[in-house]
Amino acid sequence: MNLEKVKCLIIGSGPAGYTAAIYASRANLNPVVIEGMQPGGQLTITTEIDNFPGYPQGINGTEMMNDLKKQAERFGTKIINDIINKVDFQKYPFVLETDSGKIIEAETVIIATGASARWLGLESEEKYKGMGVSACATCDGFFYRNQIVGVVGGGDTACEEASYLSNGCSKVYLIVRRDVLRASVAMQKKVLNNPKVEILWNYKPIEVLGDKNGVTGVMLENTKEGNLKQVELAGLFLAIGHHPNSDVFSSQINTDELGYIITKAGTTHTNIPGVFAAGDIQDTIYRQAITAAASGCKAALDAERFLSEKQN
């Protein structure tokens, strides 16, 4: 049997996972990181990151994640390109299995698998990801100052992103597939009373338009009448929700109704002693690289304390 025993297993390789690895390795926990389906996490599909402290000129998302990976490896972190597909948190040490058949026995586990943005599923959307198509207004909105952008969605997140973008953009189209908003009354008022926001009711994107430089517009279809409408814009933001990557853990770890892992207030502790959660997998509010990194730090410190108390 291909068995590996580890003190600290970190599942996920975004800012939370790599930061946890840096702290855990410096604490001599000899962490092992399982990278998952998207090594580097969501930031690898972001172009320039300008809001992470320490990068005055900004940095490419992939480059930043490579820097974090190298830093973790510098302190002795072992990084494996694999996926966890089975867990048993009822035993201690915990037993986990990877896609390649490796069995890992872990004294502590830090879950940092993140949450994936929901996409429309259009071929053209995939083509222009990072070139005008984004799922994070606070990450990428800065690049569209004084330009026209669109936001797809009708819930609180969509209204919040439209309001945020209106602070710097010349105009924001809020593209809503129904004739009502699902957002709270307060959020609805924010966009309905915003002169820079125009709501396009009963429309859904069917094609993202662009050229070699990026997005130039979007083709919309009326959901009631079927007629088409072309809108010129420089950026298209998807705000149709996120899906927490918690499916493999949800039968044993407490999650909320959306699937986000529940942690004890002020900590990264889950309902299973020795299992911790960090980053977007447990964050339904902030979802920023810097907050994910901070919770990765907390998870490593929590894991270190857990092991120290277990020995005493």
C-alpha atoms as a PDB file:
ATOM      1  CA  MET A   1       0.000   0.000   0.000  1.00  0.00           C
ATOM      2  CA  ASN A   2       1.290   3.472  -0.962  1.00  0.00           C
ATOM      3  CA  LEU A   3       1.017   5.034   2.533  1.00  0.00           C
ATOM      4  CA  GLU A   4       2.499   8.363   3.599  1.00  0.00           C
ATOM      5  CA  LYS A   5       2.348   9.635   7.186  1.00  0.00           C
ATOM      6  CA  VAL A   6       2.337  13.413   7.683  1.00  0.00           C
ATOM      7  CA  LYS A   7       1.963  15.811  10.595  1.00  0.00           C
ATOM      8  CA  CYS A   8       0.138  18.454   8.597  1.00  0.00           C
ATOM      9  CA  LEU A   9      -1.696  17.890   5.320  1.00  0.00           C
ATOM     10  CA  ILE A  10      -2.831  20.988   3.430  1.00  0.00           C
ATOM     11  CA  ILE A  11      -5.465  20.487   0.743  1.00  0.00           C
ATOM     12  CA  GLY A  12      -5.463  23.320  -1.788  1.00  0.00           C
ATOM     13  CA  SER A  13      -2.819  25.609  -3.231  1.00  0.00           C
ATOM     14  CA  GLY A  14      -4.186  29.139  -3.387  1.00  0.00           C
ATOM     15  CA  PRO A  15      -3.111  31.989  -1.071  1.00  0.00           C
ATOM     16  CA  ALA A  16      -4.613  30.199   1.959  1.00  0.00           C
ATOM     17  CA  GLY A  17      -2.959  26.850   1.236  1.00  0.00           C
ATOM     18  CA  TYR A  18       0.488  28.223   0.428  1.00  0.00           C
ATOM     19  CA  THR A  19       0.492  30.632   3.382  1.00  0.00           C
ATOM     20  CA  ALA A  20      -0.520  27.783   5.684  1.00  0.00           C
ATOM     21  CA  ALA A  21       2.372  25.785   4.227  1.00  0.00           C
ATOM     22  CA  ILE A  22       4.875  28.605   4.851  1.00  0.00           C
ATOM     23  CA  TYR A  23       3.852  28.901   8.505  1.00  0.00           C
ATOM     24  CA  ALA A  24       3.533  25.152   9.071  1.00  0.00           C
ATOM     25  CA  SER A  25       6.929  24.406   7.551  1.00  0.00           C
ATOM     26  CA  ARG A  26       8.592  27.117   9.656  1.00  0.00           C
ATOM     27  CA  ALA A  27       7.001  25.465  12.703  1.00  0.00           C
ATOM     28  CA  ASN A  28       8.681  22.160  11.727  1.00  0.00           C
ATOM     29  CA  LEU A  29       5.379  20.456  10.909  1.00  0.00           C
ATOM     30  CA  ASN A  30       6.826  19.180   7.597  1.00  0.00           C
ATOM     31  CA  PRO A  31       3.608  19.968   5.711  1.00  0.00           C
ATOM     32  CA  VAL A  32       2.478  18.283   2.532  1.00  0.00           C
ATOM     33  CA  VAL A  33       0.352  20.268   0.082  1.00  0.00           C
ATOM     34  CA  ILE A  34      -2.034  18.532  -2.310  1.00  0.00           C
ATOM     35  CA  GLU A  35      -2.414  21.100  -5.112  1.00  0.00           C
ATOM     36  CA  GLY A  36      -5.849  20.071  -6.351  1.00  0.00           C
ATOM     37  CA  MET A  37      -7.504  20.581  -9.730  1.00  0.00           C
ATOM     38  CA  GLN A  38      -6.331  24.177 -10.124  1.00  0.00           C
ATOM     39  CA  PRO A  39      -2.765  24.592  -8.818  1.00  0.00           C
ATOM     40  CA  GLY A  40      -2.444  28.138  -7.533  1.00  0.00           C
ATOM     41  CA  GLY A  41      -6.203  28.570  -7.187  1.00  0.00           C
ATOM     42  CA  GLN A  42      -8.462  31.192  -8.737  1.00  0.00           C
ATOM     43  CA  LEU A  43      -5.737  33.851  -8.869  1.00  0.00           C
ATOM     44  CA  THR A  44      -4.112  31.981 -11.733  1.00  0.00           C
ATOM     45  CA  ILE A  45      -7.004  33.091 -13.971  1.00  0.00           C
ATOM     46  CA  THR A  46      -6.583  36.722 -12.895  1.00  0.00           C
ATOM     47  CA  THR A  47      -4.265  38.981 -14.869  1.00  0.00           C
ATOM     48  CA  GLU A  48      -2.813  41.799 -12.765  1.00  0.00           C
ATOM     49  CA  ILE A  49      -3.225  41.912  -8.976  1.00  0.00           C
ATOM     50  CA  ASP A  50      -2.842  45.449  -7.654  1.00  0.00           C
ATOM     51  CA  ASN A  51      -4.397  45.176  -4.201  1.00  0.00           C
ATOM     52  CA  PHE A  52      -2.055  42.703  -2.475  1.00  0.00           C
ATOM     53  CA  PRO A  53       0.385  44.510  -0.146  1.00  0.00           C
ATOM     54  CA  GLY A  54       4.052  44.429  -1.124  1.00  0.00           C
ATOM     55  CA  TYR A  55       3.673  44.639  -4.895  1.00  0.00           C
ATOM     56  CA  PRO A  56       3.806  48.378  -5.721  1.00  0.00           C
ATOM     57  CA  GLN A  57       3.742  47.742  -9.472  1.00  0.00           C
ATOM     58  CA  GLY A  58       1.159  44.958  -9.261  1.00  0.00           C
ATOM     59  CA  ILE A  59       1.835  41.350 -10.145  1.00  0.00           C
ATOM     60  CA  ASN A  60       0.451  38.676 -12.436  1.00  0.00           C
ATOM     61  CA  GLY A  61      -1.733  36.172 -10.558  1.00  0.00           C
ATOM     62  CA  THR A  62       0.168  33.093 -11.759  1.00  0.00           C
ATOM     63  CA  GLU A  63       3.498  34.731 -10.954  1.00  0.00           C
ATOM     64  CA  MET A  64       2.345  35.591  -7.454  1.00  0.00           C
ATOM     65  CA  MET A  65       1.198  32.030  -6.776  1.00  0.00           C
ATOM     66  CA  ASN A  66       4.528  30.694  -8.072  1.00  0.00           C
ATOM     67  CA  ASP A  67       6.301  33.039  -5.641  1.00  0.00           C
ATOM     68  CA  LEU A  68       4.213  31.707  -2.735  1.00  0.00           C
ATOM     69  CA  LYS A  69       4.866  28.132  -3.850  1.00  0.00           C
ATOM     70  CA  LYS A  70       8.637  28.700  -3.999  1.00  0.00           C
ATOM     71  CA  GLN A  71       8.577  30.325  -0.565  1.00  0.00           C
ATOM     72  CA  ALA A  72       6.754  27.328   0.906  1.00  0.00           C
ATOM     73  CA  GLU A  73       9.184  24.921  -0.771  1.00  0.00           C
ATOM     74  CA  ARG A  74      12.143  26.938   0.504  1.00  0.00           C
ATOM     75  CA  PHE A  75      11.160  26.005   4.072  1.00  0.00           C
ATOM     76  CA  GLY A  76      10.690  22.340   3.230  1.00  0.00           C
ATOM     77  CA  THR A  77       7.062  21.997   2.171  1.00  0.00           C
ATOM     78  CA  LYS A  78       6.417  18.975  -0.024  1.00  0.00           C
ATOM     79  CA  ILE A  79       4.001  19.797  -2.854  1.00  0.00           C
ATOM     80  CA  ILE A  80       2.138  17.048  -4.702  1.00  0.00           C
ATOM     81  CA  ASN A  81       0.151  17.545  -7.884  1.00  0.00           C
ATOM     82  CA  ASP A  82      -2.856  15.391  -7.052  1.00  0.00           C
ATOM     83  CA  ILE A  83      -6.488  15.556  -5.874  1.00  0.00           C
ATOM     84  CA  ILE A  84      -8.052  14.279  -2.658  1.00  0.00           C
ATOM     85  CA  ASN A  85     -11.076  12.131  -3.518  1.00  0.00           C
ATOM     86  CA  LYS A  86     -11.793  10.296  -0.256  1.00  0.00           C
ATOM     87  CA  VAL A  87     -11.482  11.237   3.427  1.00  0.00           C
ATOM     88  CA  ASP A  88     -12.071   9.505   6.741  1.00  0.00           C
ATOM     89  CA  PHE A  89     -12.154  11.990   9.609  1.00  0.00           C
ATOM     90  CA  GLN A  90     -13.716   9.455  11.993  1.00  0.00           C
ATOM     91  CA  LYS A  91     -10.304   7.827  12.529  1.00  0.00           C
ATOM     92  CA  TYR A  92      -7.252   9.429  14.084  1.00  0.00           C
ATOM     93  CA  PRO A  93      -4.806   9.979  12.560  1.00  0.00           C
ATOM     94  CA  PHE A  94      -7.052  10.958   9.658  1.00  0.00           C
ATOM     95  CA  VAL A  95      -6.937   8.834   6.510  1.00  0.00           C
ATOM     96  CA  LEU A  96      -7.228  10.414   3.058  1.00  0.00           C
ATOM     97  CA  GLU A  97      -6.894   9.023  -0.440  1.00  0.00           C
ATOM     98  CA  THR A  98      -5.750  10.807  -3.586  1.00  0.00           C
ATOM     99  CA  ASP A  99      -6.852  10.413  -7.172  1.00  0.00           C
ATOM    100  CA  SER A 100      -3.613   8.586  -7.969  1.00  0.00           C
ATOM    101  CA  GLY A 101      -4.233   6.022  -5.209  1.00  0.00           C
ATOM    102  CA  LYS A 102      -1.878   7.423  -2.567  1.00  0.00           C
ATOM    103  CA  ILE A 103      -3.051   6.891   1.038  1.00  0.00           C
ATOM    104  CA  ILE A 104      -2.149   9.669   3.465  1.00  0.00           C
ATOM    105  CA  GLU A 105      -2.321   9.376   7.238  1.00  0.00           C
ATOM    106  CA  ALA A 106      -2.437  12.903   8.678  1.00  0.00           C
ATOM    107  CA  GLU A 107      -2.265  14.174  12.258  1.00  0.00           C
ATOM    108  CA  THR A 108      -3.781  17.512  11.200  1.00  0.00           C
ATOM    109  CA  VAL A 109      -5.569  18.616   8.025  1.00  0.00           C
ATOM    110  CA  ILE A 110      -6.011  22.140   6.700  1.00  0.00           C
ATOM    111  CA  ILE A 111      -8.737  22.408   4.061  1.00  0.00           C
ATOM    112  CA  ALA A 112      -8.023  25.306   1.701  1.00  0.00           C
ATOM    113  CA  THR A 113      -9.827  24.163  -1.441  1.00  0.00           C
ATOM    114  CA  GLY A 114     -11.509  27.521  -2.064  1.00  0.00           C
ATOM    115  CA  ALA A 115     -14.712  28.299  -3.915  1.00  0.00           C
ATOM    116  CA  SER A 116     -15.102  28.344  -7.670  1.00  0.00           C
ATOM    117  CA  ALA A 117     -16.984  31.127  -9.419  1.00  0.00           C
ATOM    118  CA  ARG A 118     -20.020  30.035 -11.377  1.00  0.00           C
ATOM    119  CA  TRP A 119     -19.631  30.763 -15.067  1.00  0.00           C
ATOM    120  CA  LEU A 120     -22.115  31.029 -17.900  1.00  0.00           C
ATOM    121  CA  GLY A 121     -20.569  28.151 -19.816  1.00  0.00           C
ATOM    122  CA  LEU A 122     -20.044  30.072 -23.063  1.00  0.00           C
ATOM    123  CA  GLU A 123     -17.110  29.235 -25.330  1.00  0.00           C
ATOM    124  CA  SER A 124     -16.486  32.955 -25.881  1.00  0.00           C
ATOM    125  CA  GLU A 125     -16.531  33.553 -22.121  1.00  0.00           C
ATOM    126  CA  GLU A 126     -13.708  31.029 -21.703  1.00  0.00           C
ATOM    127  CA  LYS A 127     -11.783  32.699 -24.523  1.00  0.00           C
ATOM    128  CA  TYR A 128     -11.807  36.124 -22.847  1.00  0.00           C
ATOM    129  CA  LYS A 129     -11.272  35.108 -19.205  1.00  0.00           C
ATOM    130  CA  GLY A 130      -8.610  37.457 -17.906  1.00  0.00           C
ATOM    131  CA  MET A 131      -9.047  39.645 -20.984  1.00  0.00           C
ATOM    132  CA  GLY A 132     -12.192  41.455 -19.909  1.00  0.00           C
ATOM    133  CA  VAL A 133     -14.226  38.619 -18.406  1.00  0.00           C
ATOM    134  CA  SER A 134     -13.902  38.428 -14.624  1.00  0.00           C
ATOM    135  CA  ALA A 135     -15.718  37.047 -11.596  1.00  0.00           C
ATOM    136  CA  CYS A 136     -14.319  39.581  -9.139  1.00  0.00           C
ATOM    137  CA  ALA A 137     -15.074  43.309  -9.359  1.00  0.00           C
ATOM    138  CA  THR A 138     -12.892  44.205  -6.378  1.00  0.00           C
ATOM    139  CA  CYS A 139      -9.978  42.347  -7.987  1.00  0.00           C
ATOM    140  CA  ASP A 140     -10.257  43.691 -11.530  1.00  0.00           C
ATOM    141  CA  GLY A 141     -12.575  46.710 -11.468  1.00  0.00           C
ATOM    142  CA  PHE A 142      -9.670  49.153 -11.231  1.00  0.00           C
ATOM    143  CA  PHE A 143      -8.624  48.350 -14.809  1.00  0.00           C
ATOM    144  CA  TYR A 144     -11.899  49.715 -16.203  1.00  0.00           C
ATOM    145  CA  ARG A 145     -11.824  53.248 -14.843  1.00  0.00           C
ATOM    146  CA  ASN A 146     -13.888  55.621 -16.993  1.00  0.00           C
ATOM    147  CA  GLN A 147     -14.991  52.713 -19.192  1.00  0.00           C
ATOM    148  CA  ILE A 148     -18.304  50.925 -19.738  1.00  0.00           C
ATOM    149  CA  VAL A 149     -18.723  47.530 -18.087  1.00  0.00           C
ATOM    150  CA  GLY A 150     -21.457  44.969 -17.530  1.00  0.00           C
ATOM    151  CA  VAL A 151     -22.406  42.862 -14.513  1.00  0.00           C
ATOM    152  CA  VAL A 152     -24.391  39.646 -14.943  1.00  0.00           C
ATOM    153  CA  GLY A 153     -26.691  38.660 -12.082  1.00  0.00           C
ATOM    154  CA  GLY A 154     -29.656  39.816 -10.043  1.00  0.00           C
ATOM    155  CA  GLY A 155     -28.747  39.009  -6.444  1.00  0.00           C
ATOM    156  CA  ASP A 156     -26.999  40.892  -3.657  1.00  0.00           C
ATOM    157  CA  THR A 157     -23.532  40.159  -5.053  1.00  0.00           C
ATOM    158  CA  ALA A 158     -24.438  41.481  -8.505  1.00  0.00           C
ATOM    159  CA  CYS A 159     -25.948  44.675  -7.082  1.00  0.00           C
ATOM    160  CA  GLU A 160     -22.971  45.146  -4.784  1.00  0.00           C
ATOM    161  CA  GLU A 161     -20.505  44.688  -7.652  1.00  0.00           C
ATOM    162  CA  ALA A 162     -22.476  47.060  -9.899  1.00  0.00           C
ATOM    163  CA  SER A 163     -22.428  49.699  -7.129  1.00  0.00           C
ATOM    164  CA  TYR A 164     -18.720  49.181  -6.548  1.00  0.00           C
ATOM    165  CA  LEU A 165     -17.876  49.451 -10.246  1.00  0.00           C
ATOM    166  CA  SER A 166     -19.981  52.600 -10.653  1.00  0.00           C
ATOM    167  CA  ASN A 167     -17.468  54.444  -8.442  1.00  0.00           C
ATOM    168  CA  GLY A 168     -14.826  54.289 -11.153  1.00  0.00           C
ATOM    169  CA  CYS A 169     -16.535  53.261 -14.382  1.00  0.00           C
ATOM    170  CA  SER A 170     -18.394  55.664 -16.646  1.00  0.00           C
ATOM    171  CA  LYS A 171     -21.399  53.331 -16.930  1.00  0.00           C
ATOM    172  CA  VAL A 172     -22.457  49.946 -15.595  1.00  0.00           C
ATOM    173  CA  TYR A 173     -25.022  47.682 -17.269  1.00  0.00           C
ATOM    174  CA  LEU A 174     -26.648  45.276 -14.823  1.00  0.00           C
ATOM    175  CA  ILE A 175     -27.801  42.333 -16.937  1.00  0.00           C
ATOM    176  CA  VAL A 176     -30.715  40.517 -15.266  1.00  0.00           C
ATOM    177  CA  ARG A 177     -32.362  37.471 -16.846  1.00  0.00           C
ATOM    178  CA  ARG A 178     -35.701  38.132 -15.088  1.00  0.00           C
ATOM    179  CA  ASP A 179     -37.876  41.224 -14.613  1.00  0.00           C
ATOM    180  CA  VAL A 180     -37.109  41.427 -10.883  1.00  0.00           C
ATOM    181  CA  LEU A 181     -34.000  41.543  -8.718  1.00  0.00           C
ATOM    182  CA  ARG A 182     -33.395  38.807  -6.141  1.00  0.00           C
ATOM    183  CA  ALA A 183     -31.304  41.179  -4.032  1.00  0.00           C
ATOM    184  CA  SER A 184     -32.342  42.575  -0.660  1.00  0.00           C
ATOM    185  CA  VAL A 185     -34.434  45.750  -0.668  1.00  0.00           C
ATOM    186  CA  ALA A 186     -31.457  47.816   0.501  1.00  0.00           C
ATOM    187  CA  MET A 187     -29.233  46.526  -2.309  1.00  0.00           C
ATOM    188  CA  GLN A 188     -31.978  47.040  -4.887  1.00  0.00           C
ATOM    189  CA  LYS A 189     -32.307  50.676  -3.865  1.00  0.00           C
ATOM    190  CA  LYS A 190     -28.565  51.103  -4.278  1.00  0.00           C
ATOM    191  CA  VAL A 191     -28.636  50.224  -7.969  1.00  0.00           C
ATOM    192  CA  LEU A 192     -32.092  51.556  -8.841  1.00  0.00           C
ATOM    193  CA  ASN A 193     -31.131  54.999  -7.525  1.00  0.00           C
ATOM    194  CA  ASN A 194     -27.658  54.971  -9.083  1.00  0.00           C
ATOM    195  CA  PRO A 195     -27.547  57.169 -12.230  1.00  0.00           C
ATOM    196  CA  LYS A 196     -24.503  55.274 -13.530  1.00  0.00           C
ATOM    197  CA  VAL A 197     -26.241  51.891 -13.422  1.00  0.00           C
ATOM    198  CA  GLU A 198     -28.632  50.857 -16.190  1.00  0.00           C
ATOM    199  CA  ILE A 199     -30.562  47.627 -15.664  1.00  0.00           C
ATOM    200  CA  LEU A 200     -31.214  45.485 -18.721  1.00  0.00           C
ATOM    201  CA  TRP A 201     -34.226  43.425 -17.662  1.00  0.00           C
ATOM    202  CA  ASN A 202     -35.018  40.001 -19.162  1.00  0.00           C
ATOM    203  CA  TYR A 203     -31.676  39.571 -20.908  1.00  0.00           C
ATOM    204  CA  LYS A 204     -29.031  36.870 -20.791  1.00  0.00           C
ATOM    205  CA  PRO A 205     -25.575  36.854 -22.443  1.00  0.00           C
ATOM    206  CA  ILE A 206     -25.230  34.416 -25.302  1.00  0.00           C
ATOM    207  CA  GLU A 207     -21.833  35.525 -26.623  1.00  0.00           C
ATOM    208  CA  VAL A 208     -18.936  37.632 -25.388  1.00  0.00           C
ATOM    209  CA  LEU A 209     -17.586  39.792 -28.194  1.00  0.00           C
ATOM    210  CA  GLY A 210     -13.961  40.847 -28.497  1.00  0.00           C
ATOM    211  CA  ASP A 211     -10.732  41.064 -30.445  1.00  0.00           C
ATOM    212  CA  LYS A 212      -7.053  40.352 -29.801  1.00  0.00           C
ATOM    213  CA  ASN A 213      -6.984  43.087 -27.152  1.00  0.00           C
ATOM    214  CA  GLY A 214      -9.905  41.705 -25.163  1.00  0.00           C
ATOM    215  CA  VAL A 215     -13.639  42.216 -24.652  1.00  0.00           C
ATOM    216  CA  THR A 216     -15.423  44.791 -26.806  1.00  0.00           C
ATOM    217  CA  GLY A 217     -19.037  43.911 -26.046  1.00  0.00           C
ATOM    218  CA  VAL A 218     -21.646  41.294 -25.361  1.00  0.00           C
ATOM    219  CA  MET A 219     -24.531  39.835 -27.352  1.00  0.00           C
ATOM    220  CA  LEU A 220     -27.692  39.491 -25.281  1.00  0.00           C
ATOM    221  CA  GLU A 221     -30.881  37.541 -25.871  1.00  0.00           C
ATOM    222  CA  ASN A 222     -34.214  38.636 -24.459  1.00  0.00           C
ATOM    223  CA  THR A 223     -35.449  35.806 -22.232  1.00  0.00           C
ATOM    224  CA  LYS A 224     -39.115  36.566 -23.006  1.00  0.00           C
ATOM    225  CA  GLU A 225     -39.201  37.635 -26.625  1.00  0.00           C
ATOM    226  CA  GLY A 226     -35.998  36.099 -28.011  1.00  0.00           C
ATOM    227  CA  ASN A 227     -34.771  39.242 -29.756  1.00  0.00           C
ATOM    228  CA  LEU A 228     -31.035  40.033 -29.695  1.00  0.00           C
ATOM    229  CA  LYS A 229     -29.298  43.127 -28.381  1.00  0.00           C
ATOM    230  CA  GLN A 230     -25.618  44.009 -28.775  1.00  0.00           C
ATOM    231  CA  VAL A 231     -24.034  46.117 -26.058  1.00  0.00           C
ATOM    232  CA  GLU A 232     -20.590  47.682 -26.308  1.00  0.00           C
ATOM    233  CA  LEU A 233     -18.481  47.396 -23.161  1.00  0.00           C
ATOM    234  CA  ALA A 234     -14.885  46.840 -22.082  1.00  0.00           C
ATOM    235  CA  GLY A 235     -15.414  44.396 -19.223  1.00  0.00           C
ATOM    236  CA  LEU A 236     -17.971  41.777 -18.236  1.00  0.00           C
ATOM    237  CA  PHE A 237     -18.245  40.714 -14.590  1.00  0.00           C
ATOM    238  CA  LEU A 238     -20.008  37.495 -13.611  1.00  0.00           C
ATOM    239  CA  ALA A 239     -21.855  37.704 -10.289  1.00  0.00           C
ATOM    240  CA  ILE A 240     -24.004  34.592 -10.440  1.00  0.00           C
ATOM    241  CA  GLY A 241     -22.551  32.973  -7.349  1.00  0.00           C
ATOM    242  CA  HIS A 242     -19.731  30.736  -6.167  1.00  0.00           C
ATOM    243  CA  HIS A 243     -19.598  27.021  -5.484  1.00  0.00           C
ATOM    244  CA  PRO A 244     -17.481  26.022  -2.457  1.00  0.00           C
ATOM    245  CA  ASN A 245     -15.204  23.096  -3.263  1.00  0.00           C
ATOM    246  CA  SER A 246     -16.326  21.100  -0.241  1.00  0.00           C
ATOM    247  CA  ASP A 247     -18.156  18.134  -1.770  1.00  0.00           C
ATOM    248  CA  VAL A 248     -15.606  15.510  -0.685  1.00  0.00           C
ATOM    249  CA  PHE A 249     -15.720  16.760   2.944  1.00  0.00           C
ATOM    250  CA  SER A 250     -19.384  17.714   3.412  1.00  0.00           C
ATOM    251  CA  SER A 251     -20.554  14.351   4.743  1.00  0.00           C
ATOM    252  CA  GLN A 252     -18.159  14.653   7.713  1.00  0.00           C
ATOM    253  CA  ILE A 253     -17.537  18.376   8.159  1.00  0.00           C
ATOM    254  CA  ASN A 254     -20.264  20.844   9.152  1.00  0.00           C
ATOM    255  CA  THR A 255     -21.187  23.179   6.293  1.00  0.00           C
ATOM    256  CA  ASP A 256     -23.829  25.839   5.805  1.00  0.00           C
ATOM    257  CA  GLU A 257     -26.739  25.487   3.380  1.00  0.00           C
ATOM    258  CA  LEU A 258     -24.520  26.613   0.479  1.00  0.00           C
ATOM    259  CA  GLY A 259     -21.731  24.164   1.273  1.00  0.00           C
ATOM    260  CA  TYR A 260     -19.244  26.545   2.930  1.00  0.00           C
ATOM    261  CA  ILE A 261     -17.363  24.946   5.815  1.00  0.00           C
ATOM    262  CA  ILE A 262     -18.380  26.331   9.209  1.00  0.00           C
ATOM    263  CA  THR A 263     -15.500  27.329  11.493  1.00  0.00           C
ATOM    264  CA  LYS A 264     -15.664  28.241  15.160  1.00  0.00           C
ATOM    265  CA  ALA A 265     -15.799  32.017  15.656  1.00  0.00           C
ATOM    266  CA  GLY A 266     -12.388  33.659  15.629  1.00  0.00           C
ATOM    267  CA  THR A 267     -10.585  30.421  14.674  1.00  0.00           C
ATOM    268  CA  THR A 268     -10.125  28.038  11.776  1.00  0.00           C
ATOM    269  CA  HIS A 269     -11.360  25.026  13.795  1.00  0.00           C
ATOM    270  CA  THR A 270     -14.051  22.867  12.185  1.00  0.00           C
ATOM    271  CA  ASN A 271     -16.335  20.488  14.103  1.00  0.00           C
ATOM    272  CA  ILE A 272     -13.628  17.808  13.852  1.00  0.00           C
ATOM    273  CA  PRO A 273     -10.703  18.438  16.253  1.00  0.00           C
ATOM    274  CA  GLY A 274      -7.500  18.549  14.200  1.00  0.00           C
ATOM    275  CA  VAL A 275      -9.243  19.554  10.962  1.00  0.00           C
ATOM    276  CA  PHE A 276      -9.082  23.235  10.033  1.00  0.00           C
ATOM    277  CA  ALA A 277     -10.469  25.324   7.172  1.00  0.00           C
ATOM    278  CA  ALA A 278      -8.960  28.446   5.615  1.00  0.00           C
ATOM    279  CA  GLY A 279      -9.636  30.786   2.733  1.00  0.00           C
ATOM    280  CA  ASP A 280     -12.685  30.974   0.497  1.00  0.00           C
ATOM    281  CA  ILE A 281     -13.916  27.508   1.494  1.00  0.00           C
ATOM    282  CA  GLN A 282     -15.121  29.115   4.745  1.00  0.00           C
ATOM    283  CA  ASP A 283     -15.391  32.784   3.747  1.00  0.00           C
ATOM    284  CA  THR A 284     -18.742  33.913   2.353  1.00  0.00           C
ATOM    285  CA  ILE A 285     -18.060  37.623   2.816  1.00  0.00           C
ATOM    286  CA  TYR A 286     -14.600  38.893   1.856  1.00  0.00           C
ATOM    287  CA  ARG A 287     -13.132  36.426  -0.684  1.00  0.00           C
ATOM    288  CA  GLN A 288      -9.889  38.351  -1.167  1.00  0.00           C
ATOM    289  CA  ALA A 289      -6.359  37.003  -1.624  1.00  0.00           C
ATOM    290  CA  ILE A 290      -5.125  38.880   1.432  1.00  0.00           C
ATOM    291  CA  THR A 291      -7.892  37.572   3.722  1.00  0.00           C
ATOM    292  CA  ALA A 292      -7.352  34.028   2.406  1.00  0.00           C
ATOM    293  CA  ALA A 293      -3.621  34.304   3.144  1.00  0.00           C
ATOM    294  CA  ALA A 294      -4.372  35.598   6.648  1.00  0.00           C
ATOM    295  CA  SER A 295      -6.690  32.681   7.411  1.00  0.00           C
ATOM    296  CA  GLY A 296      -4.048  30.273   6.062  1.00  0.00           C
ATOM    297  CA  CYS A 297      -1.641  31.709   8.634  1.00  0.00           C
ATOM    298  CA  LYS A 298      -4.268  31.240  11.370  1.00  0.00           C
ATOM    299  CA  ALA A 299      -4.914  27.637  10.305  1.00  0.00           C
ATOM    300  CA  ALA A 300      -1.221  26.732  10.517  1.00  0.00           C
ATOM    301  CA  LEU A 301      -0.945  28.312  13.976  1.00  0.00           C
ATOM    302  CA  ASP A 302      -4.112  26.488  15.083  1.00  0.00           C
ATOM    303  CA  ALA A 303      -2.689  23.192  13.768  1.00  0.00           C
ATOM    304  CA  GLU A 304       0.612  23.781  15.545  1.00  0.00           C
ATOM    305  CA  ARG A 305      -1.188  24.454  18.854  1.00  0.00           C
ATOM    306  CA  PHE A 306      -3.399  21.406  18.400  1.00  0.00           C
ATOM    307  CA  LEU A 307      -0.369  19.112  17.959  1.00  0.00           C
ATOM    308  CA  SER A 308       1.492  20.756  20.827  1.00  0.00           C
ATOM    309  CA  GLU A 309      -1.466  20.269  23.206  1.00  0.00           C
ATOM    310  CA  LYS A 310      -1.874  16.660  22.051  1.00  0.00           C
ATOM    311  CA  GLN A 311       1.716  15.880  23.002  1.00  0.00           C
ATOM    312  CA  ASN A 312       1.389  17.392  26.501  1.00  0.00           C
END
